[in-house]
Amino acid sequence: MRNLKRILLGVFSILLVLVVLAFVLENQQSISLMFLGLTGPQLPVSLVVVIALLVGMLIGPILGWFLGRSSRAARKRLV
């Protein structure tokens, strides 16, 4: 059973890498993002999407931690 889990994890990891590689190879056209009048450098679409994903993966847990902390403090004040 343990070997089956390792094999399935390996197959899943390889498939994930192949999907990401296909995404990167299919989205090579360069774009330039504009936000509040500021224009960013020309970057491939795939790089912009991956950067946005990574930023979201960092901001999400940080916001969850802050919100969890504030709700715990509010519960302590009620007790």
PDB file of N, CA and C in Angstrom:
ATOM      1  N   MET A   1       0.820  -1.192   0.000  1.00  0.00           N
ATOM      2  CA  MET A   1       0.000   0.000   0.000  1.00  0.00           C
ATOM      3  C   MET A   1       0.859   1.248   0.000  1.00  0.00           C
ATOM      4  N   ARG A   2       1.952   1.192   0.743  1.00  0.00           N
ATOM      5  CA  ARG A   2       2.846   2.342   0.833  1.00  0.00           C
ATOM      6  C   ARG A   2       3.499   2.619  -0.520  1.00  0.00           C
ATOM      7  N   ASN A   3       3.887   1.553  -1.219  1.00  0.00           N
ATOM      8  CA  ASN A   3       4.488   1.717  -2.537  1.00  0.00           C
ATOM      9  C   ASN A   3       3.482   2.266  -3.545  1.00  0.00           C
ATOM     10  N   LEU A   4       2.230   1.859  -3.425  1.00  0.00           N
ATOM     11  CA  LEU A   4       1.191   2.362  -4.314  1.00  0.00           C
ATOM     12  C   LEU A   4       1.019   3.873  -4.134  1.00  0.00           C
ATOM     13  N   LYS A   5       1.039   4.335  -2.884  1.00  0.00           N
ATOM     14  CA  LYS A   5       0.928   5.767  -2.626  1.00  0.00           C
ATOM     15  C   LYS A   5       2.122   6.522  -3.217  1.00  0.00           C
ATOM     16  N   ARG A   6       3.299   5.955  -3.097  1.00  0.00           N
ATOM     17  CA  ARG A   6       4.496   6.589  -3.667  1.00  0.00           C
ATOM     18  C   ARG A   6       4.407   6.660  -5.185  1.00  0.00           C
ATOM     19  N   ILE A   7       3.940   5.588  -5.794  1.00  0.00           N
ATOM     20  CA  ILE A   7       3.813   5.562  -7.250  1.00  0.00           C
ATOM     21  C   ILE A   7       2.781   6.583  -7.712  1.00  0.00           C
ATOM     22  N   LEU A   8       1.630   6.612  -7.036  1.00  0.00           N
ATOM     23  CA  LEU A   8       0.591   7.574  -7.401  1.00  0.00           C
ATOM     24  C   LEU A   8       1.069   9.013  -7.206  1.00  0.00           C
ATOM     25  N   LEU A   9       1.811   9.275  -6.147  1.00  0.00           N
ATOM     26  CA  LEU A   9       2.365  10.607  -5.918  1.00  0.00           C
ATOM     27  C   LEU A   9       3.365  10.975  -7.006  1.00  0.00           C
ATOM     28  N   GLY A  10       4.181  10.022  -7.401  1.00  0.00           N
ATOM     29  CA  GLY A  10       5.142  10.260  -8.475  1.00  0.00           C
ATOM     30  C   GLY A  10       4.459  10.539  -9.803  1.00  0.00           C
ATOM     31  N   VAL A  11       3.434   9.750 -10.123  1.00  0.00           N
ATOM     32  CA  VAL A  11       2.690   9.956 -11.371  1.00  0.00           C
ATOM     33  C   VAL A  11       1.990  11.312 -11.349  1.00  0.00           C
ATOM     34  N   PHE A  12       1.371  11.656 -10.229  1.00  0.00           N
ATOM     35  CA  PHE A  12       0.706  12.950 -10.100  1.00  0.00           C
ATOM     36  C   PHE A  12       1.701  14.094 -10.255  1.00  0.00           C
ATOM     37  N   SER A  13       2.869  13.980  -9.644  1.00  0.00           N
ATOM     38  CA  SER A  13       3.893  15.019  -9.745  1.00  0.00           C
ATOM     39  C   SER A  13       4.364  15.190 -11.184  1.00  0.00           C
ATOM     40  N   ILE A  14       4.588  14.084 -11.872  1.00  0.00           N
ATOM     41  CA  ILE A  14       5.031  14.154 -13.276  1.00  0.00           C
ATOM     42  C   ILE A  14       3.947  14.794 -14.139  1.00  0.00           C
ATOM     43  N   LEU A  15       2.693  14.413 -13.928  1.00  0.00           N
ATOM     44  CA  LEU A  15       1.602  15.015 -14.693  1.00  0.00           C
ATOM     45  C   LEU A  15       1.479  16.510 -14.418  1.00  0.00           C
ATOM     46  N   LEU A  16       1.648  16.909 -13.174  1.00  0.00           N
ATOM     47  CA  LEU A  16       1.592  18.326 -12.817  1.00  0.00           C
ATOM     48  C   LEU A  16       2.707  19.109 -13.499  1.00  0.00           C
ATOM     49  N   VAL A  17       3.905  18.556 -13.511  1.00  0.00           N
ATOM     50  CA  VAL A  17       5.032  19.210 -14.177  1.00  0.00           C
ATOM     51  C   VAL A  17       4.772  19.320 -15.675  1.00  0.00           C
ATOM     52  N   LEU A  18       4.223  18.275 -16.286  1.00  0.00           N
ATOM     53  CA  LEU A  18       3.926  18.316 -17.713  1.00  0.00           C
ATOM     54  C   LEU A  18       2.847  19.349 -18.048  1.00  0.00           C
ATOM     55  N   VAL A  19       1.833  19.470 -17.201  1.00  0.00           N
ATOM     56  CA  VAL A  19       0.778  20.460 -17.432  1.00  0.00           C
ATOM     57  C   VAL A  19       1.348  21.871 -17.313  1.00  0.00           C
ATOM     58  N   VAL A  20       2.169  22.120 -16.308  1.00  0.00           N
ATOM     59  CA  VAL A  20       2.786  23.442 -16.143  1.00  0.00           C
ATOM     60  C   VAL A  20       3.703  23.737 -17.317  1.00  0.00           C
ATOM     61  N   LEU A  21       4.473  22.760 -17.756  1.00  0.00           N
ATOM     62  CA  LEU A  21       5.360  22.952 -18.898  1.00  0.00           C
ATOM     63  C   LEU A  21       4.570  23.269 -20.164  1.00  0.00           C
ATOM     64  N   ALA A  22       3.488  22.558 -20.399  1.00  0.00           N
ATOM     65  CA  ALA A  22       2.642  22.831 -21.567  1.00  0.00           C
ATOM     66  C   ALA A  22       2.049  24.234 -21.483  1.00  0.00           C
ATOM     67  N   PHE A  23       1.626  24.655 -20.298  1.00  0.00           N
ATOM     68  CA  PHE A  23       1.080  25.999 -20.110  1.00  0.00           C
ATOM     69  C   PHE A  23       2.122  27.058 -20.434  1.00  0.00           C
ATOM     70  N   VAL A  24       3.324  26.869 -19.935  1.00  0.00           N
ATOM     71  CA  VAL A  24       4.397  27.841 -20.179  1.00  0.00           C
ATOM     72  C   VAL A  24       4.750  27.887 -21.657  1.00  0.00           C
ATOM     73  N   LEU A  25       4.838  26.748 -22.304  1.00  0.00           N
ATOM     74  CA  LEU A  25       5.211  26.719 -23.721  1.00  0.00           C
ATOM     75  C   LEU A  25       4.118  27.290 -24.624  1.00  0.00           C
ATOM     76  N   GLU A  26       2.863  27.163 -24.230  1.00  0.00           N
ATOM     77  CA  GLU A  26       1.767  27.666 -25.044  1.00  0.00           C
ATOM     78  C   GLU A  26       1.503  29.161 -24.851  1.00  0.00           C
ATOM     79  N   ASN A  27       2.050  29.763 -23.805  1.00  0.00           N
ATOM     80  CA  ASN A  27       1.769  31.162 -23.491  1.00  0.00           C
ATOM     81  C   ASN A  27       3.051  31.987 -23.477  1.00  0.00           C
ATOM     82  N   GLN A  28       3.726  32.029 -24.597  1.00  0.00           N
ATOM     83  CA  GLN A  28       4.996  32.755 -24.695  1.00  0.00           C
ATOM     84  C   GLN A  28       4.836  34.189 -25.192  1.00  0.00           C
ATOM     85  N   GLN A  29       3.649  34.590 -25.655  1.00  0.00           N
ATOM     86  CA  GLN A  29       3.493  35.945 -26.151  1.00  0.00           C
ATOM     87  C   GLN A  29       3.685  36.942 -25.001  1.00  0.00           C
ATOM     88  N   SER A  30       4.358  38.039 -25.305  1.00  0.00           N
ATOM     89  CA  SER A  30       4.670  39.031 -24.280  1.00  0.00           C
ATOM     90  C   SER A  30       3.516  40.018 -24.126  1.00  0.00           C
ATOM     91  N   ILE A  31       3.292  40.406 -22.887  1.00  0.00           N
ATOM     92  CA  ILE A  31       2.297  41.430 -22.585  1.00  0.00           C
ATOM     93  C   ILE A  31       2.920  42.429 -21.632  1.00  0.00           C
ATOM     94  N   SER A  32       2.321  43.588 -21.566  1.00  0.00           N
ATOM     95  CA  SER A  32       2.745  44.616 -20.634  1.00  0.00           C
ATOM     96  C   SER A  32       1.522  45.044 -19.838  1.00  0.00           C
ATOM     97  N   LEU A  33       1.558  44.896 -18.533  1.00  0.00           N
ATOM     98  CA  LEU A  33       0.417  45.239 -17.701  1.00  0.00           C
ATOM     99  C   LEU A  33       0.477  46.708 -17.308  1.00  0.00           C
ATOM    100  N   MET A  34      -0.709  47.330 -17.212  1.00  0.00           N
ATOM    101  CA  MET A  34      -0.803  48.717 -16.776  1.00  0.00           C
ATOM    102  C   MET A  34      -1.708  48.785 -15.558  1.00  0.00           C
ATOM    103  N   PHE A  35      -1.246  49.450 -14.513  1.00  0.00           N
ATOM    104  CA  PHE A  35      -2.015  49.596 -13.279  1.00  0.00           C
ATOM    105  C   PHE A  35      -1.791  50.989 -12.729  1.00  0.00           C
ATOM    106  N   LEU A  36      -2.855  51.744 -12.564  1.00  0.00           N
ATOM    107  CA  LEU A  36      -2.808  53.117 -12.056  1.00  0.00           C
ATOM    108  C   LEU A  36      -1.842  53.991 -12.843  1.00  0.00           C
ATOM    109  N   GLY A  37      -1.827  53.819 -14.136  1.00  0.00           N
ATOM    110  CA  GLY A  37      -0.970  54.629 -14.996  1.00  0.00           C
ATOM    111  C   GLY A  37       0.466  54.151 -15.087  1.00  0.00           C
ATOM    112  N   LEU A  38       0.830  53.147 -14.318  1.00  0.00           N
ATOM    113  CA  LEU A  38       2.196  52.611 -14.359  1.00  0.00           C
ATOM    114  C   LEU A  38       2.217  51.403 -15.281  1.00  0.00           C
ATOM    115  N   THR A  39       3.170  51.380 -16.191  1.00  0.00           N
ATOM    116  CA  THR A  39       3.289  50.272 -17.126  1.00  0.00           C
ATOM    117  C   THR A  39       4.451  49.384 -16.710  1.00  0.00           C
ATOM    118  N   GLY A  40       4.193  48.099 -16.657  1.00  0.00           N
ATOM    119  CA  GLY A  40       5.224  47.138 -16.291  1.00  0.00           C
ATOM    120  C   GLY A  40       6.040  46.721 -17.499  1.00  0.00           C
ATOM    121  N   PRO A  41       7.080  45.944 -17.254  1.00  0.00           N
ATOM    122  CA  PRO A  41       7.907  45.463 -18.369  1.00  0.00           C
ATOM    123  C   PRO A  41       7.170  44.415 -19.198  1.00  0.00           C
ATOM    124  N   GLN A  42       7.650  44.175 -20.392  1.00  0.00           N
ATOM    125  CA  GLN A  42       7.084  43.139 -21.259  1.00  0.00           C
ATOM    126  C   GLN A  42       7.492  41.773 -20.716  1.00  0.00           C
ATOM    127  N   LEU A  43       6.507  40.984 -20.323  1.00  0.00           N
ATOM    128  CA  LEU A  43       6.750  39.644 -19.791  1.00  0.00           C
ATOM    129  C   LEU A  43       5.824  38.652 -20.482  1.00  0.00           C
ATOM    130  N   PRO A  44       6.246  37.388 -20.583  1.00  0.00           N
ATOM    131  CA  PRO A  44       5.341  36.372 -21.138  1.00  0.00           C
ATOM    132  C   PRO A  44       4.108  36.187 -20.252  1.00  0.00           C
ATOM    133  N   VAL A  45       2.988  35.843 -20.868  1.00  0.00           N
ATOM    134  CA  VAL A  45       1.733  35.649 -20.142  1.00  0.00           C
ATOM    135  C   VAL A  45       1.912  34.598 -19.047  1.00  0.00           C
ATOM    136  N   SER A  46       2.607  33.527 -19.354  1.00  0.00           N
ATOM    137  CA  SER A  46       2.779  32.450 -18.378  1.00  0.00           C
ATOM    138  C   SER A  46       3.511  32.937 -17.133  1.00  0.00           C
ATOM    139  N   LEU A  47       4.497  33.798 -17.310  1.00  0.00           N
ATOM    140  CA  LEU A  47       5.242  34.320 -16.161  1.00  0.00           C
ATOM    141  C   LEU A  47       4.356  35.219 -15.307  1.00  0.00           C
ATOM    142  N   VAL A  48       3.531  36.028 -15.941  1.00  0.00           N
ATOM    143  CA  VAL A  48       2.616  36.899 -15.209  1.00  0.00           C
ATOM    144  C   VAL A  48       1.638  36.063 -14.387  1.00  0.00           C
ATOM    145  N   VAL A  49       1.102  34.998 -14.977  1.00  0.00           N
ATOM    146  CA  VAL A  49       0.141  34.141 -14.273  1.00  0.00           C
ATOM    147  C   VAL A  49       0.822  33.421 -13.104  1.00  0.00           C
ATOM    148  N   VAL A  50       2.019  32.907 -13.312  1.00  0.00           N
ATOM    149  CA  VAL A  50       2.727  32.198 -12.238  1.00  0.00           C
ATOM    150  C   VAL A  50       3.073  33.159 -11.101  1.00  0.00           C
ATOM    151  N   ILE A  51       3.501  34.372 -11.424  1.00  0.00           N
ATOM    152  CA  ILE A  51       3.811  35.361 -10.386  1.00  0.00           C
ATOM    153  C   ILE A  51       2.550  35.708  -9.603  1.00  0.00           C
ATOM    154  N   ALA A  52       1.422  35.897 -10.305  1.00  0.00           N
ATOM    155  CA  ALA A  52       0.160  36.199  -9.623  1.00  0.00           C
ATOM    156  C   ALA A  52      -0.246  35.049  -8.704  1.00  0.00           C
ATOM    157  N   LEU A  53      -0.049  33.808  -9.152  1.00  0.00           N
ATOM    158  CA  LEU A  53      -0.360  32.642  -8.328  1.00  0.00           C
ATOM    159  C   LEU A  53       0.496  32.619  -7.061  1.00  0.00           C
ATOM    160  N   LEU A  54       1.792  32.844  -7.213  1.00  0.00           N
ATOM    161  CA  LEU A  54       2.690  32.815  -6.062  1.00  0.00           C
ATOM    162  C   LEU A  54       2.379  33.940  -5.074  1.00  0.00           C
ATOM    163  N   VAL A  55       2.077  35.124  -5.581  1.00  0.00           N
ATOM    164  CA  VAL A  55       1.718  36.239  -4.694  1.00  0.00           C
ATOM    165  C   VAL A  55       0.435  35.905  -3.934  1.00  0.00           C
ATOM    166  N   GLY A  56      -0.540  35.331  -4.625  1.00  0.00           N
ATOM    167  CA  GLY A  56      -1.774  34.923  -3.962  1.00  0.00           C
ATOM    168  C   GLY A  56      -1.552  33.847  -2.913  1.00  0.00           C
ATOM    169  N   MET A  57      -0.624  32.927  -3.195  1.00  0.00           N
ATOM    170  CA  MET A  57      -0.317  31.873  -2.234  1.00  0.00           C
ATOM    171  C   MET A  57       0.378  32.428  -0.992  1.00  0.00           C
ATOM    172  N   LEU A  58       1.036  33.568  -1.119  1.00  0.00           N
ATOM    173  CA  LEU A  58       1.661  34.207   0.042  1.00  0.00           C
ATOM    174  C   LEU A  58       0.662  35.075   0.802  1.00  0.00           C
ATOM    175  N   ILE A  59      -0.145  35.844   0.078  1.00  0.00           N
ATOM    176  CA  ILE A  59      -1.067  36.777   0.713  1.00  0.00           C
ATOM    177  C   ILE A  59      -2.211  36.050   1.416  1.00  0.00           C
ATOM    178  N   GLY A  60      -2.720  34.977   0.836  1.00  0.00           N
ATOM    179  CA  GLY A  60      -3.846  34.244   1.422  1.00  0.00           C
ATOM    180  C   GLY A  60      -3.592  33.768   2.852  1.00  0.00           C
ATOM    181  N   PRO A  61      -2.528  33.031   3.096  1.00  0.00           N
ATOM    182  CA  PRO A  61      -2.269  32.580   4.466  1.00  0.00           C
ATOM    183  C   PRO A  61      -1.980  33.739   5.433  1.00  0.00           C
ATOM    184  N   ILE A  62      -1.333  34.780   4.950  1.00  0.00           N
ATOM    185  CA  ILE A  62      -1.048  35.923   5.819  1.00  0.00           C
ATOM    186  C   ILE A  62      -2.354  36.586   6.248  1.00  0.00           C
ATOM    187  N   LEU A  63      -3.278  36.804   5.296  1.00  0.00           N
ATOM    188  CA  LEU A  63      -4.578  37.382   5.647  1.00  0.00           C
ATOM    189  C   LEU A  63      -5.349  36.461   6.588  1.00  0.00           C
ATOM    190  N   GLY A  64      -5.311  35.171   6.336  1.00  0.00           N
ATOM    191  CA  GLY A  64      -5.978  34.219   7.221  1.00  0.00           C
ATOM    192  C   GLY A  64      -5.424  34.265   8.632  1.00  0.00           C
ATOM    193  N   TRP A  65      -4.124  34.410   8.736  1.00  0.00           N
ATOM    194  CA  TRP A  65      -3.491  34.492  10.054  1.00  0.00           C
ATOM    195  C   TRP A  65      -3.930  35.756  10.775  1.00  0.00           C
ATOM    196  N   PHE A  66      -3.933  36.895  10.072  1.00  0.00           N
ATOM    197  CA  PHE A  66      -4.358  38.149  10.691  1.00  0.00           C
ATOM    198  C   PHE A  66      -5.826  38.101  11.097  1.00  0.00           C
ATOM    199  N   LEU A  67      -6.684  37.582  10.244  1.00  0.00           N
ATOM    200  CA  LEU A  67      -8.101  37.513  10.576  1.00  0.00           C
ATOM    201  C   LEU A  67      -8.348  36.539  11.722  1.00  0.00           C
ATOM    202  N   GLY A  68      -7.637  35.440  11.747  1.00  0.00           N
ATOM    203  CA  GLY A  68      -7.775  34.486  12.845  1.00  0.00           C
ATOM    204  C   GLY A  68      -7.324  35.080  14.159  1.00  0.00           C
ATOM    205  N   ARG A  69      -6.256  35.878  14.096  1.00  0.00           N
ATOM    206  CA  ARG A  69      -5.748  36.533  15.297  1.00  0.00           C
ATOM    207  C   ARG A  69      -6.748  37.543  15.836  1.00  0.00           C
ATOM    208  N   SER A  70      -7.343  38.326  14.950  1.00  0.00           N
ATOM    209  CA  SER A  70      -8.293  39.352  15.407  1.00  0.00           C
ATOM    210  C   SER A  70      -9.562  38.708  15.961  1.00  0.00           C
ATOM    211  N   SER A  71     -10.014  37.595  15.385  1.00  0.00           N
ATOM    212  CA  SER A  71     -11.217  36.949  15.914  1.00  0.00           C
ATOM    213  C   SER A  71     -10.938  36.294  17.263  1.00  0.00           C
ATOM    214  N   ARG A  72      -9.728  35.765  17.458  1.00  0.00           N
ATOM    215  CA  ARG A  72      -9.377  35.201  18.765  1.00  0.00           C
ATOM    216  C   ARG A  72      -9.347  36.297  19.823  1.00  0.00           C
ATOM    217  N   ALA A  73      -8.814  37.478  19.457  1.00  0.00           N
ATOM    218  CA  ALA A  73      -8.765  38.583  20.412  1.00  0.00           C
ATOM    219  C   ALA A  73     -10.174  39.049  20.756  1.00  0.00           C
ATOM    220  N   ALA A  74     -11.072  39.070  19.783  1.00  0.00           N
ATOM    221  CA  ALA A  74     -12.454  39.479  20.039  1.00  0.00           C
ATOM    222  C   ALA A  74     -13.149  38.471  20.954  1.00  0.00           C
ATOM    223  N   ARG A  75     -12.886  37.185  20.764  1.00  0.00           N
ATOM    224  CA  ARG A  75     -13.490  36.166  21.630  1.00  0.00           C
ATOM    225  C   ARG A  75     -12.980  36.281  23.055  1.00  0.00           C
ATOM    226  N   LYS A  76     -11.708  36.620  23.220  1.00  0.00           N
ATOM    227  CA  LYS A  76     -11.151  36.777  24.566  1.00  0.00           C
ATOM    228  C   LYS A  76     -11.804  37.952  25.283  1.00  0.00           C
ATOM    229  N   ARG A  77     -12.107  39.022  24.538  1.00  0.00           N
ATOM    230  CA  ARG A  77     -12.752  40.192  25.148  1.00  0.00           C
ATOM    231  C   ARG A  77     -14.176  39.870  25.580  1.00  0.00           C
ATOM    232  N   LEU A  78     -14.849  38.951  24.879  1.00  0.00           N
ATOM    233  CA  LEU A  78     -16.216  38.598  25.229  1.00  0.00           C
ATOM    234  C   LEU A  78     -16.302  37.730  26.483  1.00  0.00           C
ATOM    235  N   VAL A  79     -15.249  37.003  26.766  1.00  0.00           N
ATOM    236  CA  VAL A  79     -15.289  36.070  27.896  1.00  0.00           C
ATOM    237  C   VAL A  79     -15.069  36.763  29.198  1.00  0.00           C
TER     238      VAL A  79
END
